Every structure is written in structure tokens, then in C-alpha cells.
């Protein structure tokens, strides 16, 4: 079954959720090569787009994509709000039009993550960056314990996970999506509970979009 809503749309976030978002946002902001005036996208951003929202005042254009988005975000003049599912919702965005793409805790929910990664590569401008965060296999235990035993994470989110990613799992997908190995940094973070990747599109173009 396909999920029916965006993360945070109908359920309040716990302190575990908020702490995880804060850690991701901290890593993302530390990894970006400047944001002022850039065209930034947050794919699978969640209903309230906490991470993407933090760029509202600095981005030249902010593209937010998820199944449903909060009304106040859709009303902002510098926001392009796209409500739909990945990867099909991305096809209406022009290729090479984005400087920075954020995809935080999204790939693990997708049956065909390579299709979305291929779209990300297509959408990045030359020298653009993609910042990816996914739970690792060690993180699987923590997330499921938090959700099923402690009730501190939404169990419906864990039940929607299709897989988990260590660097050895994520790196080959990034290469298949046409990012050059020299332009990929892939490593564990959040105490080893997550895998993070920084992918830069070659300034001269690459081997063709997936």
C-alpha cells in the first residue's frame, strides 16, 4: 500500500523526531557551499518542511515536494510547492534548474530509489550539490525499538521502510544515478545510525542522466 500523507501531517513529532531533524539539519547546513540566492529543493520534505523552511529567507527559490504541504508554505512567494509522489512529481521540474537538493530520510521509503536519484541528477545544475540522509542498518534497530517498544517514533513510518543503507549500499546507487565516484562523499553519521552522502554534479556535465 502507498502511504497516504506526508510526515508530520497528522501526528505531532516526538522529541526523538525533533532531535533527529535537528541533527540532519545541522549536517546539511555544514555541508552546503553557500545558500544565499540559490535555487534549493527539499524532496520528501514533510508536511511542515522543517529543514527546507530554514532556507526560506535565504534561498532565491525554494522547491518543496511531498504528498501534502502546509498552506503557509504554499503561500510564500519564493516557494514552488509540488504535491505528489516521488519520482513522478519531479518530472515537471526543468532539468539543470537546481543548485542544492536535499533528500532527508526519504530513499528508505521508496520501492525504486534509483529512479528518484536519477531525477535528482537530472535536476541539478552543473556543480550543484545533492545532500542525502538515510537510516543505516544499525539505525534500523534503534528506530524499531523507539517505535515498537518505547512509542517515541511513529510506527507507521517504520512499517513504510523498504530497506536501510550503509555507505556500501548507498554508494553504488549514486554511481548508477550517474554521479562520478570522485564527486561522491558517503559516510556514517548520527552515531552510526544514519548514512550521509554529498554528491556534486560535475561542472562540465557527466555521463548522461539516468
N, C-alpha and C. Protein backbone atom coordinates (compact mmCIF):
# COMPACT_ATOMS: atom_id res chain seq x y z
N UNK A 1 0.83 -1.20 0.00
CA UNK A 1 0.00 0.00 0.00
C UNK A 1 0.87 1.26 0.00
N UNK A 2 0.43 2.28 -0.75
CA UNK A 2 1.14 3.55 -0.75
C UNK A 2 0.74 4.36 0.47
N UNK A 3 1.70 5.10 1.04
CA UNK A 3 1.38 5.96 2.16
C UNK A 3 0.42 7.03 1.71
N UNK A 4 -0.41 7.49 2.64
CA UNK A 4 -1.49 8.40 2.28
C UNK A 4 -1.21 9.86 2.62
N UNK A 5 -0.14 10.14 3.35
CA UNK A 5 0.12 11.52 3.73
C UNK A 5 1.60 11.78 3.92
N UNK A 6 1.93 13.03 4.23
CA UNK A 6 3.31 13.44 4.46
C UNK A 6 3.68 13.26 5.93
N UNK A 7 4.96 13.10 6.18
CA UNK A 7 5.45 13.01 7.55
C UNK A 7 5.09 14.29 8.31
N UNK A 8 4.51 14.12 9.51
CA UNK A 8 4.14 15.26 10.33
C UNK A 8 2.80 15.87 10.01
N UNK A 9 2.06 15.32 9.06
CA UNK A 9 0.79 15.91 8.65
C UNK A 9 -0.30 15.69 9.70
N UNK A 10 -0.36 14.49 10.26
CA UNK A 10 -1.45 14.16 11.18
C UNK A 10 -0.98 13.79 12.58
N UNK A 11 0.33 13.65 12.78
CA UNK A 11 0.85 13.24 14.07
C UNK A 11 1.91 14.21 14.54
N UNK A 12 1.82 14.61 15.81
CA UNK A 12 2.82 15.50 16.37
C UNK A 12 4.15 14.78 16.53
N UNK A 13 5.22 15.50 16.30
CA UNK A 13 6.55 14.89 16.40
C UNK A 13 6.96 14.73 17.86
N UNK A 14 7.64 13.63 18.15
CA UNK A 14 8.17 13.41 19.49
C UNK A 14 9.53 14.09 19.60
N UNK A 15 10.10 14.07 20.81
CA UNK A 15 11.43 14.66 20.99
C UNK A 15 12.47 13.88 20.19
N UNK A 16 12.26 12.57 19.99
CA UNK A 16 13.18 11.78 19.17
C UNK A 16 13.13 12.27 17.72
N UNK A 17 11.93 12.49 17.21
CA UNK A 17 11.78 13.02 15.84
C UNK A 17 12.47 14.37 15.71
N UNK A 18 12.21 15.26 16.65
CA UNK A 18 12.76 16.62 16.58
C UNK A 18 14.28 16.62 16.69
N UNK A 19 14.81 15.75 17.55
CA UNK A 19 16.26 15.68 17.70
C UNK A 19 16.90 15.16 16.41
N UNK A 20 16.27 14.15 15.81
CA UNK A 20 16.79 13.62 14.55
C UNK A 20 16.78 14.66 13.44
N UNK A 21 15.71 15.45 13.35
CA UNK A 21 15.63 16.52 12.34
C UNK A 21 16.70 17.57 12.60
N UNK A 22 16.92 17.92 13.87
CA UNK A 22 17.94 18.91 14.21
C UNK A 22 19.33 18.43 13.81
N UNK A 23 19.64 17.16 14.08
CA UNK A 23 20.94 16.62 13.70
C UNK A 23 21.12 16.63 12.19
N UNK A 24 20.07 16.25 11.46
CA UNK A 24 20.15 16.25 9.99
C UNK A 24 20.35 17.67 9.47
N UNK A 25 19.58 18.61 9.99
CA UNK A 25 19.69 20.00 9.54
C UNK A 25 21.08 20.55 9.80
N UNK A 26 21.64 20.20 10.94
CA UNK A 26 22.99 20.68 11.30
C UNK A 26 24.03 20.16 10.30
N UNK A 27 23.92 18.88 9.96
CA UNK A 27 24.85 18.28 8.99
C UNK A 27 24.66 18.90 7.61
N UNK A 28 23.42 19.08 7.20
CA UNK A 28 23.13 19.64 5.88
C UNK A 28 23.69 21.04 5.75
N UNK A 29 23.43 21.90 6.74
CA UNK A 29 23.90 23.29 6.67
C UNK A 29 25.42 23.37 6.68
N UNK A 30 26.06 22.44 7.39
CA UNK A 30 27.53 22.42 7.43
C UNK A 30 28.13 21.95 6.11
N UNK A 31 27.33 21.27 5.28
CA UNK A 31 27.83 20.67 4.05
C UNK A 31 27.57 21.51 2.80
N UNK A 32 26.72 22.51 2.92
CA UNK A 32 26.34 23.31 1.76
C UNK A 32 27.37 24.40 1.49
N UNK A 33 27.70 24.58 0.22
CA UNK A 33 28.64 25.63 -0.19
C UNK A 33 27.90 26.94 -0.46
N UNK A 34 27.38 27.56 0.58
CA UNK A 34 26.67 28.82 0.43
C UNK A 34 25.24 28.61 -0.04
N UNK A 35 24.31 29.38 0.51
CA UNK A 35 22.90 29.18 0.17
C UNK A 35 22.21 30.45 -0.32
N UNK A 36 22.76 31.61 -0.03
CA UNK A 36 22.08 32.87 -0.34
C UNK A 36 21.83 33.01 -1.83
N UNK A 37 20.56 33.19 -2.16
CA UNK A 37 20.17 33.43 -3.55
C UNK A 37 20.11 32.17 -4.41
N UNK A 38 20.41 31.02 -3.85
CA UNK A 38 20.44 29.79 -4.66
C UNK A 38 19.05 29.16 -4.78
N UNK A 39 18.94 28.29 -5.78
CA UNK A 39 17.70 27.54 -6.00
C UNK A 39 17.83 26.22 -5.26
N UNK A 40 17.09 26.11 -4.17
CA UNK A 40 17.21 24.99 -3.25
C UNK A 40 15.92 24.16 -3.30
N UNK A 41 16.06 22.84 -3.24
CA UNK A 41 14.90 21.97 -3.22
C UNK A 41 15.00 21.00 -2.05
N UNK A 42 13.86 20.66 -1.49
CA UNK A 42 13.77 19.65 -0.43
C UNK A 42 12.73 18.65 -0.87
N UNK A 43 13.21 17.47 -1.28
CA UNK A 43 12.32 16.42 -1.81
C UNK A 43 11.92 15.47 -0.67
N UNK A 44 10.62 15.22 -0.55
CA UNK A 44 10.13 14.42 0.58
C UNK A 44 10.31 15.18 1.88
N UNK A 45 9.98 16.47 1.82
CA UNK A 45 10.33 17.42 2.89
C UNK A 45 9.49 17.27 4.14
N UNK A 46 8.36 16.55 4.07
CA UNK A 46 7.43 16.51 5.19
C UNK A 46 6.42 17.63 5.11
N UNK A 47 5.32 17.47 5.82
CA UNK A 47 4.21 18.42 5.72
C UNK A 47 4.63 19.84 6.08
N UNK A 48 5.43 19.99 7.13
CA UNK A 48 5.85 21.32 7.58
C UNK A 48 7.23 21.71 7.05
N UNK A 49 7.92 20.79 6.38
CA UNK A 49 9.21 21.08 5.74
C UNK A 49 10.17 21.80 6.68
N UNK A 50 10.42 21.20 7.86
CA UNK A 50 11.25 21.88 8.87
C UNK A 50 12.63 22.27 8.34
N UNK A 51 13.27 21.36 7.60
CA UNK A 51 14.61 21.68 7.10
C UNK A 51 14.52 22.69 5.95
N UNK A 52 13.68 22.44 4.98
CA UNK A 52 13.52 23.38 3.88
C UNK A 52 13.08 24.75 4.36
N UNK A 53 12.21 24.80 5.36
CA UNK A 53 11.70 26.06 5.89
C UNK A 53 12.83 26.96 6.41
N UNK A 54 13.90 26.33 6.90
CA UNK A 54 15.00 27.11 7.45
C UNK A 54 15.75 27.91 6.38
N UNK A 55 15.48 27.61 5.09
CA UNK A 55 16.12 28.33 3.99
C UNK A 55 15.20 29.37 3.35
N UNK A 56 14.00 29.58 3.91
CA UNK A 56 13.02 30.45 3.27
C UNK A 56 13.54 31.86 3.04
N UNK A 57 14.27 32.40 3.98
CA UNK A 57 14.70 33.79 3.88
C UNK A 57 16.00 33.98 3.10
N UNK A 58 16.69 32.88 2.82
CA UNK A 58 17.98 33.00 2.13
C UNK A 58 17.96 32.46 0.70
N UNK A 59 17.07 31.53 0.41
CA UNK A 59 17.03 30.94 -0.93
C UNK A 59 16.43 31.91 -1.94
N UNK A 60 16.98 31.90 -3.14
CA UNK A 60 16.36 32.65 -4.22
C UNK A 60 15.04 32.02 -4.62
N UNK A 61 15.01 30.69 -4.65
CA UNK A 61 13.81 29.92 -4.94
C UNK A 61 13.89 28.63 -4.12
N UNK A 62 12.80 28.26 -3.46
CA UNK A 62 12.74 27.04 -2.66
C UNK A 62 11.68 26.13 -3.25
N UNK A 63 12.08 24.95 -3.69
CA UNK A 63 11.15 23.98 -4.26
C UNK A 63 10.90 22.89 -3.21
N UNK A 64 9.65 22.72 -2.81
CA UNK A 64 9.27 21.73 -1.81
C UNK A 64 8.37 20.68 -2.45
N UNK A 65 8.69 19.42 -2.21
CA UNK A 65 7.94 18.32 -2.83
C UNK A 65 7.57 17.30 -1.77
N UNK A 66 6.29 17.00 -1.64
CA UNK A 66 5.80 15.90 -0.81
C UNK A 66 4.34 15.65 -1.15
N UNK A 67 3.78 14.63 -0.56
CA UNK A 67 2.39 14.27 -0.87
C UNK A 67 1.44 15.41 -0.50
N UNK A 68 1.68 16.04 0.65
CA UNK A 68 0.88 17.19 1.08
C UNK A 68 1.81 18.18 1.77
N UNK A 69 1.51 19.48 1.62
CA UNK A 69 2.33 20.54 2.19
C UNK A 69 1.45 21.54 2.92
N UNK A 70 2.00 22.13 3.98
CA UNK A 70 1.26 23.11 4.78
C UNK A 70 0.89 24.33 3.95
N UNK A 71 -0.28 24.91 4.25
CA UNK A 71 -0.79 26.03 3.48
C UNK A 71 0.11 27.25 3.54
N UNK A 72 0.74 27.50 4.68
CA UNK A 72 1.58 28.70 4.79
C UNK A 72 2.80 28.61 3.89
N UNK A 73 3.31 27.40 3.67
CA UNK A 73 4.44 27.22 2.77
C UNK A 73 4.02 27.50 1.33
N UNK A 74 2.88 27.01 0.96
CA UNK A 74 2.39 27.19 -0.41
C UNK A 74 2.10 28.66 -0.73
N UNK A 75 1.89 29.45 0.32
CA UNK A 75 1.57 30.87 0.12
C UNK A 75 2.80 31.75 -0.01
N UNK A 76 3.97 31.22 0.29
CA UNK A 76 5.18 32.04 0.23
C UNK A 76 5.56 32.33 -1.23
N UNK A 77 5.90 33.59 -1.55
CA UNK A 77 6.16 33.96 -2.96
C UNK A 77 7.40 33.31 -3.56
N UNK A 78 8.38 32.93 -2.74
CA UNK A 78 9.60 32.33 -3.30
C UNK A 78 9.59 30.81 -3.21
N UNK A 79 8.41 30.22 -2.94
CA UNK A 79 8.29 28.77 -2.83
C UNK A 79 7.54 28.21 -4.03
N UNK A 80 8.10 27.16 -4.63
CA UNK A 80 7.37 26.33 -5.59
C UNK A 80 6.97 25.07 -4.86
N UNK A 81 5.69 24.89 -4.61
CA UNK A 81 5.17 23.75 -3.85
C UNK A 81 4.59 22.73 -4.81
N UNK A 82 5.10 21.51 -4.75
CA UNK A 82 4.63 20.44 -5.62
C UNK A 82 4.13 19.30 -4.73
N UNK A 83 2.85 19.02 -4.81
CA UNK A 83 2.25 17.94 -4.04
C UNK A 83 2.09 16.72 -4.94
N UNK A 84 2.79 15.66 -4.59
CA UNK A 84 2.75 14.44 -5.39
C UNK A 84 3.76 13.44 -4.86
N UNK A 85 3.88 12.32 -5.53
CA UNK A 85 4.76 11.25 -5.10
C UNK A 85 6.05 11.25 -5.89
N UNK A 86 7.10 10.79 -5.25
CA UNK A 86 8.39 10.63 -5.91
C UNK A 86 8.43 9.30 -6.66
N UNK A 87 9.04 9.23 -7.84
CA UNK A 87 9.73 10.33 -8.53
C UNK A 87 8.87 11.11 -9.51
N UNK A 88 7.60 10.68 -9.70
CA UNK A 88 6.80 11.28 -10.77
C UNK A 88 6.59 12.78 -10.56
N UNK A 89 6.51 13.24 -9.30
CA UNK A 89 6.29 14.66 -9.04
C UNK A 89 7.45 15.52 -9.49
N UNK A 90 8.61 14.92 -9.69
CA UNK A 90 9.80 15.69 -10.06
C UNK A 90 9.87 15.98 -11.55
N UNK A 91 9.07 15.29 -12.33
CA UNK A 91 9.21 15.39 -13.78
C UNK A 91 8.73 16.72 -14.34
N UNK A 92 8.00 17.49 -13.55
CA UNK A 92 7.56 18.81 -14.04
C UNK A 92 8.60 19.90 -13.78
N UNK A 93 9.72 19.54 -13.11
CA UNK A 93 10.78 20.50 -12.83
C UNK A 93 11.79 20.45 -13.98
N UNK A 94 12.24 21.60 -14.41
CA UNK A 94 13.18 21.67 -15.54
C UNK A 94 14.54 21.10 -15.16
N UNK A 95 15.14 20.37 -16.07
CA UNK A 95 16.46 19.82 -15.85
C UNK A 95 17.51 20.90 -15.66
N UNK A 96 18.49 20.62 -14.78
CA UNK A 96 19.58 21.55 -14.54
C UNK A 96 19.19 22.84 -13.87
N UNK A 97 18.03 22.86 -13.18
CA UNK A 97 17.49 24.12 -12.65
C UNK A 97 17.75 24.34 -11.17
N UNK A 98 18.39 23.39 -10.48
CA UNK A 98 18.53 23.49 -9.02
C UNK A 98 20.00 23.47 -8.62
N UNK A 99 20.35 24.31 -7.66
CA UNK A 99 21.73 24.35 -7.15
C UNK A 99 21.96 23.37 -6.01
N UNK A 100 20.96 23.19 -5.16
CA UNK A 100 21.07 22.32 -3.99
C UNK A 100 19.80 21.50 -3.86
N UNK A 101 19.95 20.20 -3.70
CA UNK A 101 18.80 19.33 -3.46
C UNK A 101 19.02 18.58 -2.15
N UNK A 102 18.03 18.65 -1.28
CA UNK A 102 18.05 17.94 0.00
C UNK A 102 17.07 16.78 -0.10
N UNK A 103 17.50 15.62 0.36
CA UNK A 103 16.62 14.44 0.38
C UNK A 103 16.90 13.73 1.70
N UNK A 104 16.14 14.07 2.72
CA UNK A 104 16.41 13.64 4.09
C UNK A 104 15.41 12.58 4.54
N UNK A 105 15.92 11.38 4.83
CA UNK A 105 15.09 10.27 5.32
C UNK A 105 13.93 9.98 4.38
N UNK A 106 14.26 9.82 3.10
CA UNK A 106 13.25 9.60 2.06
C UNK A 106 13.49 8.31 1.29
N UNK A 107 14.73 8.06 0.86
CA UNK A 107 15.00 6.92 -0.02
C UNK A 107 14.55 5.60 0.57
N UNK A 108 14.61 5.46 1.89
CA UNK A 108 14.25 4.19 2.54
C UNK A 108 12.76 3.89 2.40
N UNK A 109 11.97 4.90 2.00
CA UNK A 109 10.53 4.71 1.83
C UNK A 109 10.15 4.36 0.39
N UNK A 110 11.12 4.33 -0.51
CA UNK A 110 10.82 4.18 -1.94
C UNK A 110 11.13 2.78 -2.44
N UNK A 111 10.23 2.24 -3.27
CA UNK A 111 10.48 0.94 -3.89
C UNK A 111 11.54 1.03 -4.97
N UNK A 112 11.59 2.16 -5.66
CA UNK A 112 12.55 2.33 -6.76
C UNK A 112 13.39 3.59 -6.50
N UNK A 113 14.28 3.55 -5.51
CA UNK A 113 15.06 4.74 -5.17
C UNK A 113 15.96 5.23 -6.30
N UNK A 114 16.42 4.31 -7.17
CA UNK A 114 17.29 4.73 -8.26
C UNK A 114 16.59 5.68 -9.22
N UNK A 115 15.29 5.51 -9.41
CA UNK A 115 14.54 6.42 -10.28
C UNK A 115 14.58 7.85 -9.72
N UNK A 116 14.42 7.97 -8.41
CA UNK A 116 14.47 9.29 -7.80
C UNK A 116 15.88 9.87 -7.84
N UNK A 117 16.88 9.05 -7.61
CA UNK A 117 18.26 9.53 -7.69
C UNK A 117 18.60 9.98 -9.11
N UNK A 118 18.10 9.27 -10.10
CA UNK A 118 18.32 9.68 -11.48
C UNK A 118 17.68 11.04 -11.77
N UNK A 119 16.48 11.26 -11.22
CA UNK A 119 15.83 12.56 -11.37
C UNK A 119 16.63 13.66 -10.67
N UNK A 120 17.17 13.35 -9.51
CA UNK A 120 17.98 14.33 -8.79
C UNK A 120 19.18 14.75 -9.63
N UNK A 121 19.85 13.76 -10.22
CA UNK A 121 21.00 14.08 -11.08
C UNK A 121 20.58 14.96 -12.25
N UNK A 122 19.45 14.65 -12.86
CA UNK A 122 18.94 15.44 -13.99
C UNK A 122 18.65 16.88 -13.59
N UNK A 123 18.13 17.07 -12.40
CA UNK A 123 17.66 18.39 -11.98
C UNK A 123 18.78 19.30 -11.49
N UNK A 124 19.91 18.73 -11.08
CA UNK A 124 21.00 19.56 -10.58
C UNK A 124 21.66 20.35 -11.70
N UNK A 125 21.95 21.61 -11.42
CA UNK A 125 22.77 22.41 -12.32
C UNK A 125 24.21 21.93 -12.24
N UNK A 126 25.05 22.21 -13.24
CA UNK A 126 26.47 21.88 -13.12
C UNK A 126 27.06 22.45 -11.84
N UNK A 127 27.84 21.64 -11.14
CA UNK A 127 28.44 21.97 -9.84
C UNK A 127 27.42 22.02 -8.72
N UNK A 128 26.17 21.62 -8.99
CA UNK A 128 25.15 21.57 -7.94
C UNK A 128 25.39 20.41 -6.98
N UNK A 129 24.83 20.54 -5.79
CA UNK A 129 25.03 19.54 -4.74
C UNK A 129 23.72 18.86 -4.36
N UNK A 130 23.81 17.56 -4.12
CA UNK A 130 22.71 16.81 -3.52
C UNK A 130 23.17 16.33 -2.15
N UNK A 131 22.33 16.51 -1.13
CA UNK A 131 22.63 16.10 0.24
C UNK A 131 21.60 15.06 0.66
N UNK A 132 22.07 13.85 0.89
CA UNK A 132 21.19 12.71 1.17
C UNK A 132 21.44 12.17 2.58
N UNK A 133 20.36 11.91 3.29
CA UNK A 133 20.46 11.26 4.59
C UNK A 133 19.50 10.07 4.61
N UNK A 134 19.99 8.91 5.05
CA UNK A 134 19.17 7.70 5.14
C UNK A 134 19.55 6.94 6.42
N UNK A 135 18.64 6.16 7.00
CA UNK A 135 19.00 5.36 8.17
C UNK A 135 19.87 4.18 7.77
N UNK A 136 20.83 3.86 8.62
CA UNK A 136 21.72 2.72 8.39
C UNK A 136 21.10 1.45 8.96
N UNK A 137 21.78 0.33 8.74
CA UNK A 137 21.29 -0.93 9.30
C UNK A 137 21.40 -0.93 10.82
N UNK A 138 22.38 -0.24 11.37
CA UNK A 138 22.41 -0.08 12.83
C UNK A 138 21.22 0.77 13.28
N UNK A 139 20.90 1.77 12.49
CA UNK A 139 19.77 2.63 12.81
C UNK A 139 18.45 1.89 12.79
N UNK A 140 18.34 0.84 12.00
CA UNK A 140 17.11 0.04 11.95
C UNK A 140 16.72 -0.44 13.34
N UNK A 141 17.69 -0.99 14.08
CA UNK A 141 17.39 -1.48 15.43
C UNK A 141 16.89 -0.35 16.32
N UNK A 142 17.60 0.80 16.29
CA UNK A 142 17.22 1.91 17.16
C UNK A 142 15.83 2.43 16.80
N UNK A 143 15.55 2.63 15.50
CA UNK A 143 14.27 3.16 15.08
C UNK A 143 13.12 2.23 15.46
N UNK A 144 13.32 0.93 15.25
CA UNK A 144 12.26 -0.02 15.56
C UNK A 144 12.05 -0.15 17.07
N UNK A 145 13.12 -0.09 17.85
CA UNK A 145 13.00 -0.13 19.31
C UNK A 145 12.26 1.12 19.79
N UNK A 146 12.61 2.28 19.23
CA UNK A 146 11.96 3.53 19.60
C UNK A 146 10.47 3.51 19.24
N UNK A 147 10.15 2.94 18.07
CA UNK A 147 8.77 2.95 17.59
C UNK A 147 7.91 1.86 18.25
N UNK A 148 8.42 0.62 18.25
CA UNK A 148 7.59 -0.50 18.66
C UNK A 148 7.60 -0.77 20.15
N UNK A 149 8.70 -0.40 20.83
CA UNK A 149 8.81 -0.70 22.26
C UNK A 149 8.59 0.54 23.14
N UNK A 150 9.14 1.67 22.71
CA UNK A 150 9.07 2.87 23.54
C UNK A 150 7.96 3.84 23.12
N UNK A 151 7.48 3.71 21.89
CA UNK A 151 6.44 4.62 21.41
C UNK A 151 6.92 6.04 21.17
N UNK A 152 8.23 6.20 20.92
CA UNK A 152 8.81 7.53 20.74
C UNK A 152 9.03 7.89 19.28
N UNK A 153 8.74 6.99 18.38
CA UNK A 153 8.81 7.24 16.95
C UNK A 153 7.55 6.67 16.32
N UNK A 154 7.07 7.25 15.22
CA UNK A 154 5.82 6.77 14.62
C UNK A 154 5.98 5.38 13.99
N UNK A 155 5.29 4.37 14.50
CA UNK A 155 5.45 3.02 13.94
C UNK A 155 5.06 2.91 12.48
N UNK A 156 4.12 3.77 12.03
CA UNK A 156 3.71 3.70 10.62
C UNK A 156 4.85 4.10 9.70
N UNK A 157 5.77 4.94 10.18
CA UNK A 157 6.93 5.30 9.38
C UNK A 157 7.88 4.12 9.24
N UNK A 158 8.10 3.38 10.33
CA UNK A 158 8.99 2.21 10.27
C UNK A 158 8.37 1.12 9.39
N UNK A 159 7.05 0.98 9.47
CA UNK A 159 6.38 -0.03 8.65
C UNK A 159 6.43 0.32 7.16
N UNK A 160 6.71 1.58 6.85
CA UNK A 160 6.80 2.01 5.45
C UNK A 160 8.22 1.90 4.90
N UNK A 161 9.19 1.53 5.74
CA UNK A 161 10.57 1.41 5.27
C UNK A 161 10.72 0.18 4.36
N UNK A 162 11.42 0.38 3.25
CA UNK A 162 11.66 -0.71 2.30
C UNK A 162 13.04 -1.33 2.48
N UNK A 163 14.01 -0.52 2.95
CA UNK A 163 15.36 -1.03 3.19
C UNK A 163 16.11 -0.01 4.02
N UNK A 164 17.38 -0.32 4.33
CA UNK A 164 18.28 0.58 5.06
C UNK A 164 19.59 0.63 4.30
N UNK A 165 20.41 1.65 4.59
CA UNK A 165 21.59 1.89 3.78
C UNK A 165 22.83 2.15 4.64
N UNK A 166 23.82 1.31 4.51
CA UNK A 166 25.16 1.65 4.92
C UNK A 166 25.85 2.29 3.71
N UNK A 167 27.01 2.91 3.89
CA UNK A 167 27.69 3.50 2.73
C UNK A 167 27.89 2.52 1.58
N UNK A 168 28.17 1.26 1.90
CA UNK A 168 28.39 0.27 0.83
C UNK A 168 27.12 -0.02 0.04
N UNK A 169 25.94 0.27 0.62
CA UNK A 169 24.68 0.09 -0.09
C UNK A 169 24.31 1.32 -0.91
N UNK A 170 24.56 2.50 -0.35
CA UNK A 170 24.14 3.74 -1.00
C UNK A 170 25.08 4.14 -2.13
N UNK A 171 26.38 3.98 -1.93
CA UNK A 171 27.37 4.43 -2.92
C UNK A 171 27.12 3.86 -4.31
N UNK A 172 26.88 2.55 -4.48
CA UNK A 172 26.64 2.03 -5.83
C UNK A 172 25.41 2.64 -6.49
N UNK A 173 24.37 2.94 -5.72
CA UNK A 173 23.19 3.57 -6.29
C UNK A 173 23.51 4.96 -6.82
N UNK A 174 24.34 5.68 -6.11
CA UNK A 174 24.72 7.02 -6.55
C UNK A 174 25.52 6.97 -7.85
N UNK A 175 26.37 5.97 -7.99
CA UNK A 175 27.13 5.80 -9.22
C UNK A 175 26.18 5.42 -10.37
N UNK A 176 25.23 4.54 -10.10
CA UNK A 176 24.26 4.16 -11.13
C UNK A 176 23.40 5.35 -11.55
N UNK A 177 23.22 6.30 -10.65
CA UNK A 177 22.44 7.51 -10.97
C UNK A 177 23.28 8.54 -11.72
N UNK A 178 24.53 8.15 -12.08
CA UNK A 178 25.42 8.95 -12.93
C UNK A 178 26.26 9.99 -12.21
N UNK A 179 26.34 9.92 -10.88
CA UNK A 179 27.32 10.74 -10.19
C UNK A 179 28.69 10.07 -10.29
N UNK A 180 29.72 10.86 -10.59
CA UNK A 180 31.06 10.32 -10.68
C UNK A 180 31.57 9.94 -9.30
N UNK A 181 32.26 8.81 -9.16
CA UNK A 181 32.83 8.43 -7.87
C UNK A 181 33.66 9.53 -7.22
N UNK A 182 34.39 10.29 -8.02
CA UNK A 182 35.22 11.36 -7.46
C UNK A 182 34.39 12.47 -6.84
N UNK A 183 33.10 12.53 -7.20
CA UNK A 183 32.23 13.60 -6.73
C UNK A 183 31.26 13.14 -5.65
N UNK A 184 31.53 11.97 -5.05
CA UNK A 184 30.66 11.41 -4.02
C UNK A 184 31.43 11.29 -2.71
N UNK A 185 30.87 11.84 -1.65
CA UNK A 185 31.32 11.56 -0.29
C UNK A 185 30.19 10.86 0.43
N UNK A 186 30.47 9.69 0.98
CA UNK A 186 29.42 8.87 1.59
C UNK A 186 29.96 8.30 2.90
N UNK A 187 29.28 8.58 4.02
CA UNK A 187 29.82 8.20 5.32
C UNK A 187 28.69 8.08 6.34
N UNK A 188 28.98 7.42 7.44
CA UNK A 188 28.01 7.30 8.53
C UNK A 188 28.07 8.53 9.42
N UNK A 189 26.90 8.87 10.00
CA UNK A 189 26.86 9.94 10.99
C UNK A 189 25.72 9.66 11.95
N UNK A 190 25.38 10.61 12.83
CA UNK A 190 24.38 10.40 13.87
C UNK A 190 24.71 9.15 14.68
N UNK A 191 25.95 9.07 15.16
CA UNK A 191 26.41 7.96 15.99
C UNK A 191 26.35 6.62 15.24
N UNK A 192 26.47 6.67 13.92
CA UNK A 192 26.41 5.46 13.11
C UNK A 192 25.01 5.00 12.78
N UNK A 193 23.99 5.75 13.19
CA UNK A 193 22.61 5.36 12.96
C UNK A 193 22.11 5.77 11.57
N UNK A 194 22.85 6.63 10.91
CA UNK A 194 22.47 7.12 9.59
C UNK A 194 23.67 7.12 8.65
N UNK A 195 23.36 7.14 7.36
CA UNK A 195 24.37 7.32 6.31
C UNK A 195 24.08 8.63 5.61
N UNK A 196 25.13 9.39 5.36
CA UNK A 196 25.00 10.71 4.73
C UNK A 196 25.85 10.73 3.47
N UNK A 197 25.33 11.35 2.43
CA UNK A 197 26.08 11.47 1.18
C UNK A 197 26.01 12.89 0.65
N UNK A 198 27.15 13.37 0.17
CA UNK A 198 27.24 14.65 -0.51
C UNK A 198 27.66 14.35 -1.95
N UNK A 199 26.79 14.64 -2.88
CA UNK A 199 27.06 14.34 -4.30
C UNK A 199 27.07 15.65 -5.08
N UNK A 200 28.14 15.87 -5.82
CA UNK A 200 28.28 17.08 -6.61
C UNK A 200 28.24 16.73 -8.10
N UNK A 201 27.40 17.42 -8.83
CA UNK A 201 27.34 17.19 -10.26
C UNK A 201 28.53 17.88 -10.93
N UNK A 202 29.17 17.18 -11.83
CA UNK A 202 30.36 17.72 -12.48
C UNK A 202 30.04 19.05 -13.17
N UNK A 203 30.96 20.00 -13.07
CA UNK A 203 30.72 21.32 -13.64
C UNK A 203 30.66 21.30 -15.16
N UNK A 204 31.17 20.25 -15.78
CA UNK A 204 31.15 20.13 -17.23
C UNK A 204 30.12 19.12 -17.72
N UNK A 205 29.25 18.67 -16.77
CA UNK A 205 28.30 17.63 -17.15
C UNK A 205 28.91 16.27 -16.89
N UNK A 206 28.07 15.25 -16.89
CA UNK A 206 28.58 13.91 -16.59
C UNK A 206 28.18 12.94 -17.70
N UNK A 207 27.98 11.70 -17.33
CA UNK A 207 27.85 10.67 -18.33
C UNK A 207 26.46 10.54 -18.92
N UNK A 208 25.61 11.52 -18.66
CA UNK A 208 24.24 11.43 -19.14
C UNK A 208 23.32 11.16 -17.98
N UNK A 209 22.13 11.65 -18.02
CA UNK A 209 21.19 11.49 -16.90
C UNK A 209 20.50 10.14 -16.98
N UNK A 210 20.22 9.60 -15.76
CA UNK A 210 19.58 8.28 -15.69
C UNK A 210 18.12 8.39 -16.15
